[in-house]
Protein backbone atom coordinates (compact mmCIF):
# COMPACT_ATOMS: atom_id res chain seq x y z
CA MET A 1 -65.00 -89.08 -80.44
CA ASN A 2 -61.36 -89.84 -81.57
CA SER A 3 -61.25 -91.57 -85.04
CA ARG A 4 -59.39 -94.58 -83.72
CA LEU A 5 -60.78 -96.68 -80.71
CA ARG A 6 -58.47 -98.59 -78.18
CA VAL A 7 -59.02 -101.21 -76.01
CA PRO A 8 -58.93 -99.42 -72.22
CA CYS A 9 -56.16 -100.97 -70.86
CA THR A 10 -52.97 -103.41 -70.44
CA TYR A 11 -54.32 -107.24 -70.20
CA GLN A 12 -52.54 -110.21 -70.44
CA GLY A 13 -53.76 -112.28 -73.30
CA GLY A 14 -55.01 -109.30 -74.61
CA LYS A 15 -54.81 -109.45 -78.63
CA GLN A 16 -53.57 -105.66 -79.37
CA ARG A 17 -50.37 -106.47 -81.34
CA VAL A 18 -52.18 -109.02 -83.48
CA ALA A 19 -55.97 -107.54 -83.72
CA LYS A 20 -55.63 -106.18 -87.26
CA GLN A 21 -54.05 -109.70 -88.59
CA ILE A 22 -56.75 -111.64 -86.60
CA ALA A 23 -59.27 -109.08 -88.03
CA ASP A 24 -58.18 -109.26 -91.60
CA ALA A 25 -58.61 -113.07 -91.48
CA LEU A 26 -62.44 -112.58 -90.25
CA LEU A 27 -63.28 -110.45 -92.70
CA VAL A 28 -62.15 -112.02 -95.40
CA ALA A 29 -64.04 -114.84 -94.39
CA ALA A 30 -67.05 -113.32 -94.06
CA PRO A 31 -69.51 -114.06 -96.68
CA SER A 32 -71.38 -110.88 -96.97
CA LEU A 33 -71.19 -107.25 -96.13
CA ASP A 34 -73.71 -107.74 -93.49
CA SER A 35 -72.45 -110.84 -91.88
CA ASN A 36 -72.57 -110.95 -87.99
CA PHE A 37 -69.39 -111.56 -85.82
CA LEU A 38 -69.40 -113.68 -82.68
CA ASP A 39 -66.29 -112.66 -80.35
CA LEU A 40 -66.28 -115.07 -77.45
CA CYS A 41 -64.16 -114.89 -74.35
CA CYS A 42 -63.53 -111.26 -75.84
CA GLY A 43 -61.49 -110.16 -73.02
CA SER A 44 -60.44 -106.52 -73.44
CA GLY A 45 -61.98 -106.48 -76.98
CA ALA A 46 -59.15 -105.99 -78.95
CA VAL A 47 -60.66 -107.81 -81.98
CA SER A 48 -64.07 -106.41 -81.85
CA VAL A 49 -62.64 -102.82 -81.41
CA GLU A 50 -60.58 -103.51 -84.59
CA LEU A 51 -63.61 -104.70 -86.46
CA ALA A 52 -65.42 -101.58 -85.33
CA ASN A 53 -62.36 -99.33 -86.45
CA ARG A 54 -62.70 -101.36 -89.61
CA GLY A 55 -66.31 -100.15 -90.11
CA VAL A 56 -68.47 -102.99 -88.96
CA ASP A 57 -71.43 -101.63 -87.38
CA PRO A 58 -71.27 -102.69 -83.68
CA SER A 59 -74.89 -103.91 -84.06
CA ARG A 60 -73.44 -106.57 -85.72
CA ILE A 61 -70.75 -107.55 -83.05
CA THR A 62 -71.51 -109.96 -80.15
CA MET A 63 -68.97 -110.00 -77.51
CA LEU A 64 -69.09 -112.60 -74.92
CA ASP A 65 -66.82 -113.06 -71.63
CA ALA A 66 -67.28 -114.75 -68.66
CA SER A 67 -65.15 -112.38 -66.29
CA SER A 68 -65.87 -108.75 -65.32
CA TRP A 69 -64.70 -107.80 -68.97
CA GLY A 70 -68.28 -109.36 -70.12
CA THR A 71 -69.80 -106.86 -67.68
CA PHE A 72 -67.81 -104.12 -68.85
CA TRP A 73 -69.03 -104.61 -72.35
CA LYS A 74 -72.62 -105.26 -71.85
CA ALA A 75 -72.60 -101.86 -70.23
CA ILE A 76 -71.09 -100.42 -73.02
CA GLY A 77 -73.27 -102.05 -75.81
CA GLU A 78 -76.58 -100.92 -73.95
CA GLY A 79 -75.37 -97.58 -72.87
CA THR A 80 -75.67 -98.16 -69.56
CA PHE A 81 -72.42 -97.52 -68.71
CA ALA A 82 -72.06 -94.59 -65.79
CA MET A 83 -69.39 -92.21 -66.71
CA ASP A 84 -70.05 -90.13 -64.07
CA ILE A 85 -69.34 -93.21 -61.38
CA PHE A 86 -66.29 -93.84 -63.22
CA ASP A 87 -64.91 -90.29 -62.92
CA ALA A 88 -65.42 -90.34 -59.26
CA TYR A 89 -63.44 -93.42 -58.67
CA LEU A 90 -60.84 -91.92 -61.48
CA SER A 91 -61.04 -88.70 -59.11
CA GLU A 92 -59.87 -90.51 -56.09
CA ILE A 93 -56.67 -92.08 -57.52
CA PRO A 94 -53.65 -90.23 -55.62
CA LYS A 95 -51.67 -88.03 -57.65
CA ASP A 96 -48.62 -89.26 -55.91
CA LYS A 97 -47.45 -92.77 -57.75
CA ARG A 98 -46.27 -93.81 -55.00
CA LEU A 99 -49.46 -94.32 -53.25
CA VAL A 100 -51.35 -96.07 -56.41
CA LYS A 101 -50.74 -99.49 -55.40
CA THR A 102 -52.24 -99.07 -51.65
CA HIS A 103 -55.28 -97.09 -52.98
CA MET A 104 -56.03 -99.87 -55.67
CA ALA A 105 -55.31 -102.67 -52.87
CA ASN A 106 -57.85 -100.95 -50.51
CA LEU A 107 -60.52 -100.39 -53.63
CA ALA A 108 -59.86 -104.19 -54.09
CA THR A 109 -61.37 -104.95 -51.10
CA GLN A 110 -64.78 -103.13 -51.77
CA HIS A 111 -67.60 -104.95 -53.12
CA PRO A 112 -68.39 -103.41 -56.79
CA GLY A 113 -72.09 -103.79 -56.36
CA THR A 114 -74.17 -102.11 -59.23
CA HIS A 115 -70.89 -100.43 -60.40
CA GLU A 116 -68.68 -103.60 -61.64
CA ALA A 117 -68.42 -102.06 -64.72
CA GLU A 118 -67.13 -98.94 -63.76
CA ILE A 119 -64.75 -99.98 -61.15
CA TYR A 120 -63.00 -102.93 -62.75
CA PRO A 121 -61.42 -101.02 -65.82
CA VAL A 122 -59.98 -98.83 -62.81
CA LEU A 123 -58.42 -102.10 -60.88
CA GLN A 124 -57.29 -103.83 -64.32
CA SER A 125 -55.61 -100.97 -65.50
CA CYS A 126 -53.27 -101.07 -62.32
CA SER A 127 -53.01 -105.29 -62.45
CA PHE A 128 -49.21 -106.26 -62.01
CA GLY A 129 -48.48 -107.50 -65.28
CA GLY A 130 -51.82 -106.73 -66.87
CA LYS A 131 -52.81 -110.23 -65.27
CA GLN A 132 -56.57 -110.39 -65.10
CA LEU A 133 -58.54 -109.98 -62.01
CA TRP A 134 -62.09 -110.99 -61.49
CA HIS A 135 -64.98 -110.84 -59.09
CA ASP A 136 -66.33 -114.16 -57.74
CA GLY A 137 -69.34 -112.61 -56.31
CA TYR A 138 -67.87 -111.93 -52.79
CA GLU A 139 -64.32 -110.45 -53.65
CA TRP A 140 -61.80 -109.63 -56.19
CA GLN A 141 -58.88 -112.30 -56.92
CA ASN A 142 -55.54 -112.26 -58.25
CA ALA A 143 -55.68 -108.52 -57.05
CA PHE A 144 -51.94 -107.92 -57.13
CA PHE A 145 -51.19 -104.40 -58.12
CA ARG A 146 -48.19 -102.56 -59.54
CA ASP A 147 -45.69 -100.00 -57.52
CA TYR A 148 -44.37 -96.85 -59.14
CA TRP A 149 -41.14 -98.00 -60.26
CA THR A 150 -37.61 -96.11 -61.33
CA PRO A 151 -34.61 -97.21 -62.74
CA THR A 152 -31.49 -98.13 -60.89
CA GLU A 153 -28.07 -97.73 -62.11
CA THR A 154 -28.03 -101.20 -63.70
CA SER A 155 -31.53 -101.20 -65.25
CA VAL A 156 -31.90 -101.66 -68.97
CA ARG A 157 -34.71 -99.42 -68.68
CA ARG A 158 -34.20 -95.98 -68.27
CA SER A 159 -37.44 -94.48 -67.76
CA PRO A 160 -39.85 -94.84 -64.94
CA ALA A 161 -42.78 -97.73 -64.77
CA ASN A 162 -46.32 -95.98 -63.92
CA PRO A 163 -48.21 -97.80 -61.84
CA MET A 164 -51.45 -97.19 -64.24
CA GLN A 165 -50.99 -98.45 -67.71
CA PRO A 166 -52.50 -96.54 -69.20
CA ARG A 167 -52.51 -93.53 -67.00
CA PRO A 168 -55.77 -92.31 -65.41
CA GLU A 169 -56.49 -89.58 -68.09
CA GLU A 170 -55.82 -91.77 -71.11
CA LEU A 171 -58.00 -94.51 -69.48
CA ARG A 172 -60.81 -92.02 -69.32
CA ARG A 173 -60.24 -90.84 -72.77
CA ARG A 174 -60.28 -94.16 -74.01
CA VAL A 175 -63.25 -95.48 -72.25
CA LEU A 176 -65.56 -92.62 -73.16
CA ASP A 177 -64.67 -92.85 -77.09
CA LEU A 178 -65.88 -96.69 -76.47
CA THR A 179 -69.08 -95.42 -74.82
CA SER A 180 -70.08 -93.86 -78.31
CA GLY A 181 -68.00 -95.96 -80.85
CA MET A 182 -69.12 -99.69 -79.24
CA ASN A 183 -72.46 -98.47 -78.72
CA GLY A 184 -74.58 -101.19 -79.84
CA ILE A 185 -72.72 -104.22 -79.58
CA ARG A 186 -74.25 -107.37 -77.94
CA GLY A 187 -72.32 -107.92 -74.61
CA PHE A 188 -73.00 -110.78 -72.44
CA ARG A 189 -71.17 -111.72 -69.37
CA ALA A 190 -71.63 -115.60 -69.22
CA ASP A 191 -69.95 -118.89 -70.06
CA ILE A 192 -69.18 -119.81 -73.43
CA SER A 193 -71.40 -122.78 -73.38
CA MET A 194 -74.35 -120.23 -73.73
CA VAL A 195 -73.60 -119.82 -77.44
CA LEU A 196 -74.45 -123.43 -77.66
CA ASP A 197 -78.20 -122.35 -76.90
CA TRP A 198 -77.76 -119.97 -79.88
CA THR A 199 -79.39 -120.19 -83.33
CA ILE A 200 -76.09 -119.23 -85.30
CA PRO A 201 -76.88 -117.95 -89.23
CA ALA A 202 -74.10 -119.96 -91.56
CA ASP A 203 -72.81 -116.34 -92.47
CA THR A 204 -71.63 -115.52 -89.09
CA VAL A 205 -67.95 -115.58 -88.28
CA ILE A 206 -66.85 -116.91 -84.88
CA TYR A 207 -63.73 -115.96 -82.87
CA ILE A 208 -62.80 -117.65 -79.93
CA ASP A 209 -59.82 -116.65 -77.56
CA PRO A 210 -59.64 -118.68 -74.60
CA PRO A 211 -57.00 -118.81 -72.12
CA TYR A 212 -53.57 -120.18 -72.98
CA LYS A 213 -52.38 -123.31 -71.64
CA GLY A 214 -49.75 -122.91 -69.04
CA THR A 215 -50.52 -119.12 -68.47
CA THR A 216 -51.91 -117.56 -65.17
CA ASN A 217 -55.10 -118.77 -64.05
CA TYR A 218 -57.95 -116.54 -65.18
CA GLY A 219 -60.55 -118.00 -62.90
CA PHE A 220 -62.60 -119.25 -66.12
CA GLY A 221 -62.04 -122.24 -68.09
CA PHE A 222 -63.13 -124.84 -70.59
CA ASP A 223 -61.97 -127.39 -73.20
CA VAL A 224 -61.88 -125.36 -76.46
CA ARG A 225 -61.95 -128.58 -78.77
CA GLU A 226 -65.22 -129.96 -77.15
CA ILE A 227 -66.66 -126.27 -77.75
CA VAL A 228 -65.54 -126.02 -81.41
CA THR A 229 -66.99 -129.38 -81.75
CA LYS A 230 -70.15 -128.72 -80.39
CA LEU A 231 -70.66 -125.49 -82.07
CA ARG A 232 -69.40 -127.09 -85.62
CA ALA A 233 -72.58 -129.65 -85.11
CA ARG A 234 -74.99 -126.76 -84.76
CA THR A 235 -73.53 -124.36 -87.69
CA GLU A 236 -71.98 -123.85 -90.73
CA ALA A 237 -70.44 -120.82 -89.62
CA ALA A 238 -66.84 -120.03 -90.03
CA ILE A 239 -65.05 -120.72 -86.69
CA PHE A 240 -61.41 -119.18 -85.71
CA VAL A 241 -59.44 -119.99 -82.62
CA SER A 242 -56.26 -117.97 -81.52
CA GLU A 243 -53.98 -120.31 -79.26
CA GLY A 244 -50.31 -121.11 -78.75
CA GLU A 245 -50.47 -123.69 -80.97
CA PRO A 246 -52.46 -124.70 -84.36
CA LEU A 247 -55.35 -126.58 -83.84
CA SER A 248 -55.63 -127.14 -87.37
CA ARG A 249 -53.85 -127.27 -90.54
CA ASP A 250 -55.60 -124.20 -92.21
CA CYS A 251 -53.72 -122.39 -89.49
CA ILE A 252 -51.31 -119.07 -90.13
CA GLN A 253 -48.77 -117.99 -87.39
CA LEU A 254 -49.31 -114.11 -86.46
CA MET A 255 -46.38 -112.07 -86.63
CA VAL A 256 -46.18 -110.36 -83.08
CA SER A 257 -44.82 -106.64 -83.10
CA GLY A 258 -43.51 -104.43 -80.52
CA GLY A 259 -41.00 -105.16 -77.77
CA ASN A 260 -40.13 -108.21 -75.63
CA GLY A 261 -40.86 -106.04 -72.69
CA GLY A 262 -40.73 -106.66 -69.25
CA ILE A 263 -39.52 -104.08 -66.75
CA SER A 264 -35.95 -105.06 -66.79
CA GLY A 265 -36.21 -105.34 -70.52
CA ARG A 266 -34.53 -108.59 -70.77
CA ARG A 267 -37.35 -110.48 -71.79
CA ARG A 268 -35.94 -112.88 -74.88
CA SER A 269 -39.12 -114.18 -76.36
CA LYS A 270 -42.80 -113.61 -77.06
CA HIS A 271 -45.69 -115.63 -77.04
CA ARG A 272 -46.42 -117.74 -79.98
CA GLU A 273 -49.72 -116.88 -81.42
CA CYS A 274 -51.52 -119.03 -83.97
CA LEU A 275 -54.89 -118.21 -85.67
CA SER A 276 -56.85 -121.84 -86.69
CA ARG A 277 -59.58 -121.80 -88.82
CA VAL A 278 -61.66 -125.17 -87.73
């Protein structure tokens, strides 16, 4: 395993750029060195992965998501992720990058059966704009994939854009590292309301990353203020929420690093990121 874990793939709404700042706040809020962490709506797992990179034992991390990410992290934590199946999916990806989009579109017509954890990161890594795919029990939703893009004479970006981010070999490396480095986490594919049935000790730190208002439909949604109110009535644990706007006076605006992005290179603004303790 490499020394530093990374999330599997590009994901709209992922917290890769701000995960270190969020982890700083969560670790400071932890009452003890043995505190547990709940990562609710964990998605691609940027915050939990950062906590593990900081030395938090995976057994102290619980990750929950209502989408296929929940299925993926459950398999990772339980040690049931099938690398041989995953490798088989990767081996079928065309070497000609111009054919990858069509291949993914065909793959998305297949019911994942018992291998949703293995097929999902392959499909998600090719999702247009990193937008989340999800499976509704019958078929994949929001399944739109990237083309292999090459610059024109007027393009600001001068290098090609690959249909997969990351490429298959890098995706495999990251996932293989996670199978060992995140083994032992408690993973759940469930609605966030599930935690209202849990006993949550006061020395726990809870992090919630709800879908932002006004962004592409993730297929799953909830009223974050209602969930926080119900959680607060049940536990004295520290609760943090990341959103595009402050939810309390105890809030920090996260500094989003990196370029503005977009194939054209002309996107002028970044999402506002706020971390509120509620």
